[in-house]
Amino acid sequence: LLNMVFLTNSWLFSFNQPSLCITVAALLHYFLLAAFTWMCLESVHFYLALVKVFNVYVPKYILKCCIAGWGIPALVITAVLTINKDFYGSGSHSESNPFSNFCWIQENTVFYVSVVAYVFLIFLTNTAMFITVLLQIHSMKSRTQKRSRIWKR
């Protein structure tokens, strides 16, 4: 859906309907955040599968993942729309700007807080999960090598 909204964004912008542009920009923002949220949930799942292998039962795990994956971005978009719906819209209408025919976030502060900071937090979470999984794999490998040396003796 992110790709579809992205590819149709300029075409929908050409209708010169401010409400349509706000809707398209909000949808683009939502699906972008949802894609990154699901990426973060994948890293948490990877962590649970490889590090917390035993005694990990989360009741209604898929439901909770779906609520987080679709709900957290919805909260961000709702907050932005509640504060001011005009944060979304079309860019400057100059011919020299190649991105002027595009519906997106107009306020730099909103962009940095709701997109850049969000993605950065997910990047930090994914990095932490990745390092933890690598350390777990390395410790399993070293334990296996120690056991094989003991058995060889």
N, C-alpha and C. Protein backbone atom coordinates (compact mmCIF):
# COMPACT_ATOMS: atom_id res chain seq x y z
N LEU A 1 0.82 -1.20 0.00
CA LEU A 1 0.00 0.00 0.00
C LEU A 1 0.86 1.26 0.00
N LEU A 2 2.01 1.19 0.69
CA LEU A 2 2.92 2.32 0.68
C LEU A 2 3.36 2.63 -0.75
N ASN A 3 3.73 1.61 -1.49
CA ASN A 3 4.15 1.81 -2.88
C ASN A 3 3.02 2.35 -3.75
N MET A 4 1.82 1.84 -3.56
CA MET A 4 0.69 2.31 -4.37
C MET A 4 0.38 3.77 -4.09
N VAL A 5 0.37 4.16 -2.81
CA VAL A 5 0.09 5.56 -2.48
C VAL A 5 1.22 6.45 -2.99
N PHE A 6 2.45 5.98 -2.85
CA PHE A 6 3.60 6.76 -3.32
C PHE A 6 3.52 6.98 -4.83
N LEU A 7 3.21 5.93 -5.57
CA LEU A 7 3.19 6.03 -7.03
C LEU A 7 2.02 6.84 -7.56
N THR A 8 0.92 6.86 -6.85
CA THR A 8 -0.25 7.63 -7.30
C THR A 8 -0.28 9.04 -6.70
N ASN A 9 0.67 9.37 -5.86
CA ASN A 9 0.67 10.65 -5.15
C ASN A 9 0.66 11.85 -6.11
N SER A 10 1.57 11.89 -7.05
CA SER A 10 1.64 13.02 -7.98
C SER A 10 0.39 13.13 -8.85
N TRP A 11 -0.15 11.99 -9.24
CA TRP A 11 -1.37 12.01 -10.05
C TRP A 11 -2.55 12.56 -9.24
N LEU A 12 -2.67 12.13 -7.99
CA LEU A 12 -3.74 12.64 -7.13
C LEU A 12 -3.54 14.11 -6.80
N PHE A 13 -2.29 14.55 -6.72
CA PHE A 13 -1.99 15.96 -6.49
C PHE A 13 -2.54 16.82 -7.62
N SER A 14 -2.53 16.30 -8.83
CA SER A 14 -2.93 17.07 -10.01
C SER A 14 -4.42 17.47 -10.00
N PHE A 15 -5.22 16.86 -9.13
CA PHE A 15 -6.63 17.22 -9.03
C PHE A 15 -6.86 18.54 -8.28
N ASN A 16 -5.81 19.07 -7.65
CA ASN A 16 -5.88 20.34 -6.91
C ASN A 16 -7.00 20.36 -5.87
N GLN A 17 -7.14 19.28 -5.15
CA GLN A 17 -8.11 19.19 -4.06
C GLN A 17 -7.34 19.12 -2.74
N PRO A 18 -7.38 20.17 -1.93
CA PRO A 18 -6.61 20.17 -0.68
C PRO A 18 -6.95 19.01 0.25
N SER A 19 -8.23 18.66 0.34
CA SER A 19 -8.61 17.56 1.23
C SER A 19 -8.07 16.22 0.70
N LEU A 20 -8.06 16.04 -0.61
CA LEU A 20 -7.49 14.83 -1.20
C LEU A 20 -5.99 14.76 -0.94
N CYS A 21 -5.32 15.91 -1.06
CA CYS A 21 -3.88 15.95 -0.82
C CYS A 21 -3.56 15.64 0.65
N ILE A 22 -4.35 16.17 1.57
CA ILE A 22 -4.15 15.88 2.99
C ILE A 22 -4.35 14.39 3.25
N THR A 23 -5.38 13.81 2.64
CA THR A 23 -5.64 12.39 2.82
C THR A 23 -4.51 11.54 2.27
N VAL A 24 -4.04 11.87 1.08
CA VAL A 24 -2.95 11.11 0.47
C VAL A 24 -1.67 11.25 1.29
N ALA A 25 -1.37 12.44 1.76
CA ALA A 25 -0.17 12.65 2.57
C ALA A 25 -0.26 11.89 3.88
N ALA A 26 -1.43 11.90 4.50
CA ALA A 26 -1.62 11.15 5.76
C ALA A 26 -1.50 9.65 5.52
N LEU A 27 -2.07 9.15 4.42
CA LEU A 27 -1.94 7.73 4.09
C LEU A 27 -0.49 7.35 3.81
N LEU A 28 0.20 8.19 3.07
CA LEU A 28 1.61 7.92 2.78
C LEU A 28 2.41 7.88 4.08
N HIS A 29 2.17 8.83 4.95
CA HIS A 29 2.85 8.87 6.24
C HIS A 29 2.51 7.63 7.07
N TYR A 30 1.23 7.26 7.09
CA TYR A 30 0.80 6.09 7.86
C TYR A 30 1.46 4.81 7.37
N PHE A 31 1.42 4.57 6.07
CA PHE A 31 1.98 3.33 5.54
C PHE A 31 3.50 3.29 5.67
N LEU A 32 4.15 4.44 5.61
CA LEU A 32 5.60 4.47 5.84
C LEU A 32 5.91 4.07 7.28
N LEU A 33 5.19 4.66 8.23
CA LEU A 33 5.41 4.31 9.64
C LEU A 33 5.02 2.86 9.92
N ALA A 34 3.96 2.38 9.28
CA ALA A 34 3.56 0.99 9.47
C ALA A 34 4.62 0.03 8.96
N ALA A 35 5.23 0.34 7.83
CA ALA A 35 6.29 -0.52 7.29
C ALA A 35 7.47 -0.61 8.27
N PHE A 36 7.86 0.52 8.83
CA PHE A 36 8.97 0.51 9.79
C PHE A 36 8.56 -0.16 11.10
N THR A 37 7.32 0.01 11.51
CA THR A 37 6.86 -0.65 12.73
C THR A 37 6.87 -2.16 12.57
N TRP A 38 6.42 -2.63 11.42
CA TRP A 38 6.45 -4.07 11.19
C TRP A 38 7.89 -4.59 11.11
N MET A 39 8.79 -3.79 10.59
CA MET A 39 10.20 -4.18 10.57
C MET A 39 10.71 -4.34 12.00
N CYS A 40 10.30 -3.44 12.88
CA CYS A 40 10.70 -3.52 14.28
C CYS A 40 10.09 -4.77 14.94
N LEU A 41 8.85 -5.05 14.64
CA LEU A 41 8.22 -6.25 15.19
C LEU A 41 8.90 -7.52 14.70
N GLU A 42 9.39 -7.50 13.47
CA GLU A 42 10.16 -8.65 12.97
C GLU A 42 11.43 -8.86 13.78
N SER A 43 12.10 -7.77 14.13
CA SER A 43 13.32 -7.92 14.92
C SER A 43 13.00 -8.43 16.33
N VAL A 44 11.89 -8.00 16.90
CA VAL A 44 11.48 -8.52 18.21
C VAL A 44 11.15 -10.00 18.10
N HIS A 45 10.48 -10.38 17.03
CA HIS A 45 10.17 -11.79 16.81
C HIS A 45 11.45 -12.61 16.63
N PHE A 46 12.39 -12.07 15.90
CA PHE A 46 13.69 -12.72 15.71
C PHE A 46 14.39 -12.92 17.06
N TYR A 47 14.34 -11.91 17.89
CA TYR A 47 14.91 -11.98 19.24
C TYR A 47 14.23 -13.08 20.05
N LEU A 48 12.91 -13.11 20.04
CA LEU A 48 12.19 -14.13 20.80
C LEU A 48 12.49 -15.53 20.28
N ALA A 49 12.65 -15.68 18.99
CA ALA A 49 12.89 -17.00 18.41
C ALA A 49 14.30 -17.51 18.67
N LEU A 50 15.28 -16.62 18.68
CA LEU A 50 16.67 -17.08 18.81
C LEU A 50 17.29 -16.89 20.20
N VAL A 51 16.81 -15.95 20.96
CA VAL A 51 17.40 -15.69 22.27
C VAL A 51 16.52 -16.26 23.38
N LYS A 52 15.28 -15.92 23.37
CA LYS A 52 14.34 -16.40 24.38
C LYS A 52 13.61 -17.62 23.83
N VAL A 53 14.34 -18.67 23.57
CA VAL A 53 13.79 -19.81 22.85
C VAL A 53 12.77 -20.57 23.70
N PHE A 54 13.11 -20.84 24.94
CA PHE A 54 12.27 -21.67 25.78
C PHE A 54 11.40 -20.81 26.69
N ASN A 55 10.26 -21.35 27.05
CA ASN A 55 9.32 -20.72 27.98
C ASN A 55 8.88 -19.33 27.53
N VAL A 56 8.72 -19.15 26.24
CA VAL A 56 8.20 -17.89 25.74
C VAL A 56 6.85 -18.17 25.10
N TYR A 57 5.83 -17.89 25.87
CA TYR A 57 4.48 -18.01 25.33
C TYR A 57 3.81 -16.67 25.56
N VAL A 58 3.43 -16.04 24.50
CA VAL A 58 2.72 -14.77 24.58
C VAL A 58 1.29 -15.04 24.12
N PRO A 59 0.32 -14.94 25.02
CA PRO A 59 -1.04 -15.19 24.59
C PRO A 59 -1.49 -14.18 23.53
N LYS A 60 -2.16 -14.68 22.52
CA LYS A 60 -2.66 -13.86 21.41
C LYS A 60 -1.54 -13.00 20.80
N TYR A 61 -0.43 -13.66 20.52
CA TYR A 61 0.78 -12.99 20.02
C TYR A 61 0.53 -12.27 18.70
N ILE A 62 -0.11 -12.94 17.75
CA ILE A 62 -0.36 -12.33 16.43
C ILE A 62 -1.29 -11.13 16.56
N LEU A 63 -2.31 -11.25 17.39
CA LEU A 63 -3.22 -10.13 17.61
C LEU A 63 -2.48 -8.93 18.18
N LYS A 64 -1.61 -9.18 19.14
CA LYS A 64 -0.84 -8.09 19.74
C LYS A 64 0.12 -7.47 18.73
N CYS A 65 0.72 -8.30 17.89
CA CYS A 65 1.59 -7.77 16.83
C CYS A 65 0.80 -6.91 15.85
N CYS A 66 -0.39 -7.36 15.49
CA CYS A 66 -1.22 -6.59 14.56
C CYS A 66 -1.67 -5.27 15.17
N ILE A 67 -2.03 -5.30 16.44
CA ILE A 67 -2.43 -4.06 17.12
C ILE A 67 -1.26 -3.09 17.15
N ALA A 68 -0.07 -3.59 17.47
CA ALA A 68 1.11 -2.72 17.50
C ALA A 68 1.50 -2.27 16.10
N GLY A 69 1.52 -3.20 15.15
CA GLY A 69 1.97 -2.89 13.79
C GLY A 69 1.09 -1.90 13.06
N TRP A 70 -0.20 -1.97 13.30
CA TRP A 70 -1.12 -1.04 12.63
C TRP A 70 -1.57 0.09 13.55
N GLY A 71 -1.53 -0.16 14.85
CA GLY A 71 -2.05 0.83 15.80
C GLY A 71 -1.10 1.95 16.16
N ILE A 72 0.17 1.64 16.36
CA ILE A 72 1.14 2.69 16.74
C ILE A 72 1.25 3.76 15.65
N PRO A 73 1.39 3.38 14.38
CA PRO A 73 1.40 4.42 13.35
C PRO A 73 0.08 5.21 13.30
N ALA A 74 -1.03 4.54 13.56
CA ALA A 74 -2.32 5.24 13.56
C ALA A 74 -2.37 6.29 14.67
N LEU A 75 -1.77 5.98 15.82
CA LEU A 75 -1.72 6.96 16.91
C LEU A 75 -0.91 8.18 16.51
N VAL A 76 0.21 7.96 15.82
CA VAL A 76 1.06 9.08 15.39
C VAL A 76 0.30 9.96 14.39
N ILE A 77 -0.33 9.33 13.42
CA ILE A 77 -1.07 10.08 12.40
C ILE A 77 -2.25 10.83 13.03
N THR A 78 -2.94 10.17 13.96
CA THR A 78 -4.06 10.81 14.65
C THR A 78 -3.59 12.03 15.43
N ALA A 79 -2.43 11.89 16.08
CA ALA A 79 -1.89 13.02 16.84
C ALA A 79 -1.56 14.19 15.92
N VAL A 80 -0.92 13.90 14.79
CA VAL A 80 -0.57 14.96 13.84
C VAL A 80 -1.83 15.63 13.29
N LEU A 81 -2.81 14.82 12.91
CA LEU A 81 -4.05 15.39 12.37
C LEU A 81 -4.83 16.16 13.43
N THR A 82 -4.76 15.73 14.68
CA THR A 82 -5.46 16.42 15.75
C THR A 82 -4.82 17.77 16.04
N ILE A 83 -3.51 17.81 16.01
CA ILE A 83 -2.81 19.08 16.27
C ILE A 83 -3.13 20.09 15.17
N ASN A 84 -2.93 19.68 13.92
CA ASN A 84 -3.24 20.58 12.81
C ASN A 84 -3.24 19.76 11.52
N LYS A 85 -4.39 19.65 10.89
CA LYS A 85 -4.49 18.87 9.65
C LYS A 85 -3.70 19.51 8.51
N ASP A 86 -3.39 20.80 8.64
CA ASP A 86 -2.65 21.49 7.58
C ASP A 86 -1.15 21.21 7.62
N PHE A 87 -0.71 20.36 8.56
CA PHE A 87 0.67 19.90 8.50
C PHE A 87 0.88 19.06 7.25
N TYR A 88 -0.19 18.45 6.76
CA TYR A 88 -0.14 17.69 5.52
C TYR A 88 -0.61 18.58 4.38
N GLY A 89 -0.08 18.36 3.21
CA GLY A 89 -0.52 19.13 2.07
C GLY A 89 0.48 19.05 0.94
N SER A 90 0.36 20.01 0.02
CA SER A 90 1.24 20.03 -1.15
C SER A 90 2.44 20.92 -0.85
N GLY A 91 3.52 20.64 -1.55
CA GLY A 91 4.74 21.43 -1.38
C GLY A 91 4.62 22.79 -2.02
N SER A 92 5.72 23.51 -2.04
CA SER A 92 5.72 24.82 -2.70
C SER A 92 5.45 24.61 -4.18
N HIS A 93 4.71 25.50 -4.76
CA HIS A 93 4.27 25.32 -6.15
C HIS A 93 5.24 25.98 -7.14
N SER A 94 6.52 25.81 -6.93
CA SER A 94 7.48 26.40 -7.86
C SER A 94 7.91 25.35 -8.88
N GLU A 95 8.19 25.80 -10.06
CA GLU A 95 8.62 24.88 -11.12
C GLU A 95 10.04 24.38 -10.91
N SER A 96 10.86 25.14 -10.16
CA SER A 96 12.25 24.73 -9.94
C SER A 96 12.35 23.60 -8.92
N ASN A 97 11.32 23.41 -8.12
CA ASN A 97 11.33 22.35 -7.12
C ASN A 97 10.72 21.08 -7.72
N PRO A 98 11.52 20.02 -7.90
CA PRO A 98 10.97 18.81 -8.53
C PRO A 98 9.99 18.08 -7.63
N PHE A 99 9.98 18.38 -6.32
CA PHE A 99 9.08 17.69 -5.40
C PHE A 99 7.85 18.54 -5.08
N SER A 100 7.60 19.57 -5.86
CA SER A 100 6.48 20.45 -5.57
C SER A 100 5.14 19.80 -5.89
N ASN A 101 5.12 18.84 -6.77
CA ASN A 101 3.87 18.17 -7.13
C ASN A 101 3.70 16.89 -6.33
N PHE A 102 3.75 17.03 -5.03
CA PHE A 102 3.73 15.86 -4.17
C PHE A 102 3.05 16.23 -2.85
N CYS A 103 2.17 15.38 -2.38
CA CYS A 103 1.48 15.60 -1.11
C CYS A 103 2.28 14.92 0.01
N TRP A 104 2.67 15.71 1.00
CA TRP A 104 3.50 15.18 2.08
C TRP A 104 3.42 16.11 3.27
N ILE A 105 4.25 15.90 4.27
CA ILE A 105 4.27 16.73 5.47
C ILE A 105 4.92 18.06 5.12
N GLN A 106 4.27 19.16 5.50
CA GLN A 106 4.75 20.49 5.13
C GLN A 106 5.62 21.13 6.21
N GLU A 107 5.44 20.75 7.44
CA GLU A 107 6.15 21.36 8.56
C GLU A 107 7.40 20.54 8.88
N ASN A 108 8.57 21.20 8.88
CA ASN A 108 9.83 20.48 9.12
C ASN A 108 9.87 19.84 10.50
N THR A 109 9.39 20.53 11.52
CA THR A 109 9.42 19.99 12.88
C THR A 109 8.58 18.72 12.96
N VAL A 110 7.42 18.75 12.36
CA VAL A 110 6.55 17.57 12.36
C VAL A 110 7.24 16.42 11.62
N PHE A 111 7.88 16.72 10.52
CA PHE A 111 8.59 15.69 9.76
C PHE A 111 9.70 15.05 10.60
N TYR A 112 10.50 15.88 11.26
CA TYR A 112 11.62 15.35 12.04
C TYR A 112 11.15 14.57 13.26
N VAL A 113 10.06 14.99 13.87
CA VAL A 113 9.58 14.28 15.06
C VAL A 113 8.82 13.01 14.69
N SER A 114 7.93 13.12 13.69
CA SER A 114 7.05 11.98 13.40
C SER A 114 7.60 11.00 12.37
N VAL A 115 8.65 11.36 11.67
CA VAL A 115 9.24 10.42 10.71
C VAL A 115 10.68 10.09 11.10
N VAL A 116 11.53 11.09 11.16
CA VAL A 116 12.96 10.85 11.38
C VAL A 116 13.20 10.26 12.77
N ALA A 117 12.60 10.85 13.81
CA ALA A 117 12.80 10.33 15.17
C ALA A 117 12.20 8.93 15.30
N TYR A 118 11.05 8.71 14.70
CA TYR A 118 10.38 7.41 14.73
C TYR A 118 11.27 6.33 14.09
N VAL A 119 11.77 6.63 12.91
CA VAL A 119 12.62 5.68 12.20
C VAL A 119 13.94 5.47 12.96
N PHE A 120 14.46 6.54 13.55
CA PHE A 120 15.70 6.41 14.33
C PHE A 120 15.50 5.51 15.54
N LEU A 121 14.37 5.63 16.25
CA LEU A 121 14.09 4.76 17.38
C LEU A 121 13.97 3.30 16.95
N ILE A 122 13.33 3.08 15.81
CA ILE A 122 13.22 1.72 15.30
C ILE A 122 14.59 1.19 14.88
N PHE A 123 15.40 2.05 14.29
CA PHE A 123 16.75 1.64 13.93
C PHE A 123 17.56 1.25 15.16
N LEU A 124 17.45 2.03 16.23
CA LEU A 124 18.15 1.69 17.48
C LEU A 124 17.65 0.36 18.05
N THR A 125 16.34 0.17 18.03
CA THR A 125 15.78 -1.09 18.53
C THR A 125 16.26 -2.27 17.70
N ASN A 126 16.22 -2.13 16.39
CA ASN A 126 16.68 -3.21 15.51
C ASN A 126 18.17 -3.50 15.70
N THR A 127 18.96 -2.45 15.88
CA THR A 127 20.39 -2.64 16.11
C THR A 127 20.64 -3.39 17.42
N ALA A 128 19.91 -3.00 18.48
CA ALA A 128 20.06 -3.68 19.76
C ALA A 128 19.66 -5.15 19.65
N MET A 129 18.56 -5.42 18.96
CA MET A 129 18.11 -6.81 18.78
C MET A 129 19.13 -7.59 17.95
N PHE A 130 19.67 -6.97 16.92
CA PHE A 130 20.64 -7.64 16.06
C PHE A 130 21.90 -7.99 16.84
N ILE A 131 22.40 -7.05 17.63
CA ILE A 131 23.61 -7.31 18.42
C ILE A 131 23.34 -8.41 19.44
N THR A 132 22.18 -8.38 20.08
CA THR A 132 21.83 -9.41 21.05
C THR A 132 21.76 -10.78 20.40
N VAL A 133 21.15 -10.86 19.24
CA VAL A 133 21.06 -12.14 18.53
C VAL A 133 22.44 -12.61 18.11
N LEU A 134 23.29 -11.70 17.62
CA LEU A 134 24.65 -12.09 17.24
C LEU A 134 25.43 -12.62 18.43
N LEU A 135 25.32 -11.96 19.56
CA LEU A 135 26.00 -12.43 20.77
C LEU A 135 25.48 -13.79 21.20
N GLN A 136 24.19 -14.01 21.08
CA GLN A 136 23.60 -15.30 21.43
C GLN A 136 24.12 -16.39 20.49
N ILE A 137 24.17 -16.12 19.21
CA ILE A 137 24.67 -17.10 18.25
C ILE A 137 26.14 -17.39 18.52
N HIS A 138 26.91 -16.34 18.81
CA HIS A 138 28.34 -16.54 19.10
C HIS A 138 28.53 -17.37 20.36
N SER A 139 27.75 -17.13 21.40
CA SER A 139 27.90 -17.90 22.63
C SER A 139 27.46 -19.35 22.41
N MET A 140 26.43 -19.58 21.59
CA MET A 140 26.04 -20.96 21.28
C MET A 140 27.14 -21.67 20.51
N LYS A 141 27.77 -20.96 19.60
CA LYS A 141 28.85 -21.55 18.80
C LYS A 141 30.04 -21.91 19.70
N SER A 142 30.40 -21.03 20.61
CA SER A 142 31.53 -21.30 21.48
C SER A 142 31.21 -22.44 22.45
N ARG A 143 29.97 -22.53 22.93
CA ARG A 143 29.57 -23.65 23.80
C ARG A 143 29.62 -24.96 23.04
N THR A 144 29.21 -24.95 21.79
CA THR A 144 29.24 -26.16 20.97
C THR A 144 30.68 -26.60 20.72
N GLN A 145 31.57 -25.65 20.47
CA GLN A 145 32.97 -25.99 20.24
C GLN A 145 33.60 -26.56 21.51
N LYS A 146 33.27 -26.02 22.68
CA LYS A 146 33.80 -26.54 23.94
C LYS A 146 33.31 -27.96 24.18
N ARG A 147 32.04 -28.21 23.90
CA ARG A 147 31.50 -29.56 24.07
C ARG A 147 32.17 -30.54 23.13
N SER A 148 32.41 -30.12 21.90
CA SER A 148 33.04 -31.04 20.95
C SER A 148 34.47 -31.36 21.35
N ARG A 149 35.19 -30.38 21.92
CA ARG A 149 36.54 -30.65 22.41
C ARG A 149 36.51 -31.62 23.58
N ILE A 150 35.53 -31.47 24.46
CA ILE A 150 35.42 -32.38 25.61
C ILE A 150 35.12 -33.79 25.12
N TRP A 151 34.23 -33.93 24.16
CA TRP A 151 33.89 -35.25 23.63
C TRP A 151 35.06 -35.88 22.88
N LYS A 152 35.88 -35.05 22.23
CA LYS A 152 37.04 -35.59 21.52
C LYS A 152 38.07 -36.16 22.49
N ARG A 153 38.20 -35.49 23.64
CA ARG A 153 39.15 -36.00 24.65
C ARG A 153 38.67 -37.33 25.18
